[in-house]
Amino acid sequence: MEEEKICSCHKTKERSPEEYKDLIHRLNRIEGQIRGIKGMVENDAYCTDILTQVSAVNAALNSFNKVLLANHIKTCVTQDIKDGKEETVDELVTTLQKLMK
């Protein structure tokens, strides 16, 4: 059996208990909303009612992204710049371009 290799190319981030709890709470709520939409489809709910719920999920995901991005800039990006890792700015720009599609 071949030994499993662990890729060290993935960055990780240790989050504070408060940040972790907030992000997980938001994701749990979004997950519940998605299950609700699935139930609406399964129960033949009216299209506009489903679309309204999808819009609410999109808003919740956007809110999640805003919180995560703000935390990223305040912690990871700021620390990397202090450490002289200027490539982090390019990474941030690329990420923002993906988010703004």
Protein backbone atom coordinates (compact mmCIF):
# COMPACT_ATOMS: atom_id res chain seq x y z
CA MET A 1 0.00 0.00 0.00
CA GLU A 2 1.37 3.39 -1.02
CA GLU A 3 1.87 5.92 1.76
CA GLU A 4 -0.67 8.75 1.63
CA LYS A 5 0.90 12.14 0.99
CA ILE A 6 -0.47 15.26 2.59
CA CYS A 7 -0.40 18.35 0.42
CA SER A 8 1.14 21.28 2.26
CA CYS A 9 -0.09 23.70 -0.42
CA HIS A 10 -3.38 24.43 1.37
CA LYS A 11 -3.43 27.29 3.80
CA THR A 12 -5.41 27.03 7.00
CA LYS A 13 -6.67 29.58 9.49
CA GLU A 14 -7.24 29.20 13.18
CA ARG A 15 -10.40 31.11 14.05
CA SER A 16 -11.41 32.51 17.39
CA PRO A 17 -14.23 30.63 19.12
CA GLU A 18 -16.53 33.62 18.50
CA GLU A 19 -15.75 33.80 14.77
CA TYR A 20 -16.13 30.03 14.42
CA LYS A 21 -19.47 30.03 16.26
CA ASP A 22 -20.82 32.92 14.15
CA LEU A 23 -19.79 31.36 10.82
CA ILE A 24 -21.17 27.92 11.74
CA HIS A 25 -24.42 29.49 12.97
CA ARG A 26 -24.82 31.34 9.66
CA LEU A 27 -24.08 28.19 7.65
CA ASN A 28 -26.54 26.13 9.70
CA ARG A 29 -29.23 28.71 9.01
CA ILE A 30 -28.43 28.68 5.29
CA GLU A 31 -28.48 24.89 5.27
CA GLY A 32 -31.93 24.97 6.87
CA GLN A 33 -33.14 27.46 4.27
CA ILE A 34 -31.88 25.18 1.48
CA ARG A 35 -33.70 22.20 3.01
CA GLY A 36 -36.81 24.37 3.17
CA ILE A 37 -36.54 25.22 -0.52
CA LYS A 38 -36.09 21.54 -1.36
CA GLY A 39 -39.24 20.79 0.61
CA MET A 40 -41.09 23.52 -1.26
CA VAL A 41 -40.11 21.96 -4.60
CA GLU A 42 -41.06 18.49 -3.37
CA ASN A 43 -44.45 19.85 -2.27
CA ASP A 44 -45.09 21.68 -5.55
CA ALA A 45 -44.96 25.16 -4.02
CA TYR A 46 -45.72 28.11 -6.25
CA CYS A 47 -42.72 29.34 -8.26
CA THR A 48 -42.62 32.88 -6.90
CA ASP A 49 -42.72 31.58 -3.33
CA ILE A 50 -39.68 29.42 -4.07
CA LEU A 51 -37.90 32.30 -5.81
CA THR A 52 -38.50 34.49 -2.76
CA GLN A 53 -36.84 31.88 -0.56
CA VAL A 54 -33.93 31.50 -2.99
CA SER A 55 -33.46 35.27 -2.82
CA ALA A 56 -33.31 35.04 0.98
CA VAL A 57 -30.63 32.31 0.72
CA ASN A 58 -28.61 34.46 -1.69
CA ALA A 59 -28.80 37.36 0.78
CA ALA A 60 -27.68 35.08 3.62
CA LEU A 61 -24.74 33.78 1.54
CA ASN A 62 -23.74 37.34 0.64
CA SER A 63 -23.86 38.27 4.32
CA PHE A 64 -21.72 35.24 5.16
CA ASN A 65 -19.19 36.28 2.49
CA LYS A 66 -19.04 39.84 3.83
CA VAL A 67 -18.32 38.64 7.37
CA LEU A 68 -15.74 36.09 6.21
CA LEU A 69 -14.04 38.60 3.90
CA ALA A 70 -13.87 41.26 6.60
CA ASN A 71 -12.34 38.77 9.04
CA HIS A 72 -9.88 37.64 6.35
CA ILE A 73 -8.73 41.19 5.65
CA LYS A 74 -8.47 42.10 9.34
CA THR A 75 -6.44 39.01 10.21
CA CYS A 76 -4.77 37.03 7.41
CA VAL A 77 -4.19 39.83 4.91
CA THR A 78 -3.06 42.35 7.52
CA GLN A 79 -0.64 39.87 9.10
CA ASP A 80 0.78 38.77 5.75
CA ILE A 81 1.41 42.37 4.71
CA LYS A 82 3.17 43.02 8.04
CA ASP A 83 5.25 39.90 7.35
CA GLY A 84 6.20 41.23 3.91
CA LYS A 85 4.08 38.73 1.95
CA GLU A 86 2.90 41.14 -0.73
CA GLU A 87 1.51 38.27 -2.87
CA THR A 88 -1.41 38.14 -0.45
CA VAL A 89 -2.70 41.39 -1.97
CA ASP A 90 -2.78 39.73 -5.41
CA GLU A 91 -4.60 36.76 -3.89
CA LEU A 92 -7.15 39.13 -2.33
CA VAL A 93 -7.69 40.93 -5.64
CA THR A 94 -8.26 37.61 -7.41
CA THR A 95 -10.72 36.56 -4.72
CA LEU A 96 -12.62 39.85 -4.98
CA GLN A 97 -12.82 39.50 -8.76
CA LYS A 98 -14.34 36.03 -8.35
CA LEU A 99 -16.87 37.33 -5.82
CA MET A 100 -17.93 40.19 -8.09
CA LYS A 101 -18.86 38.05 -11.10
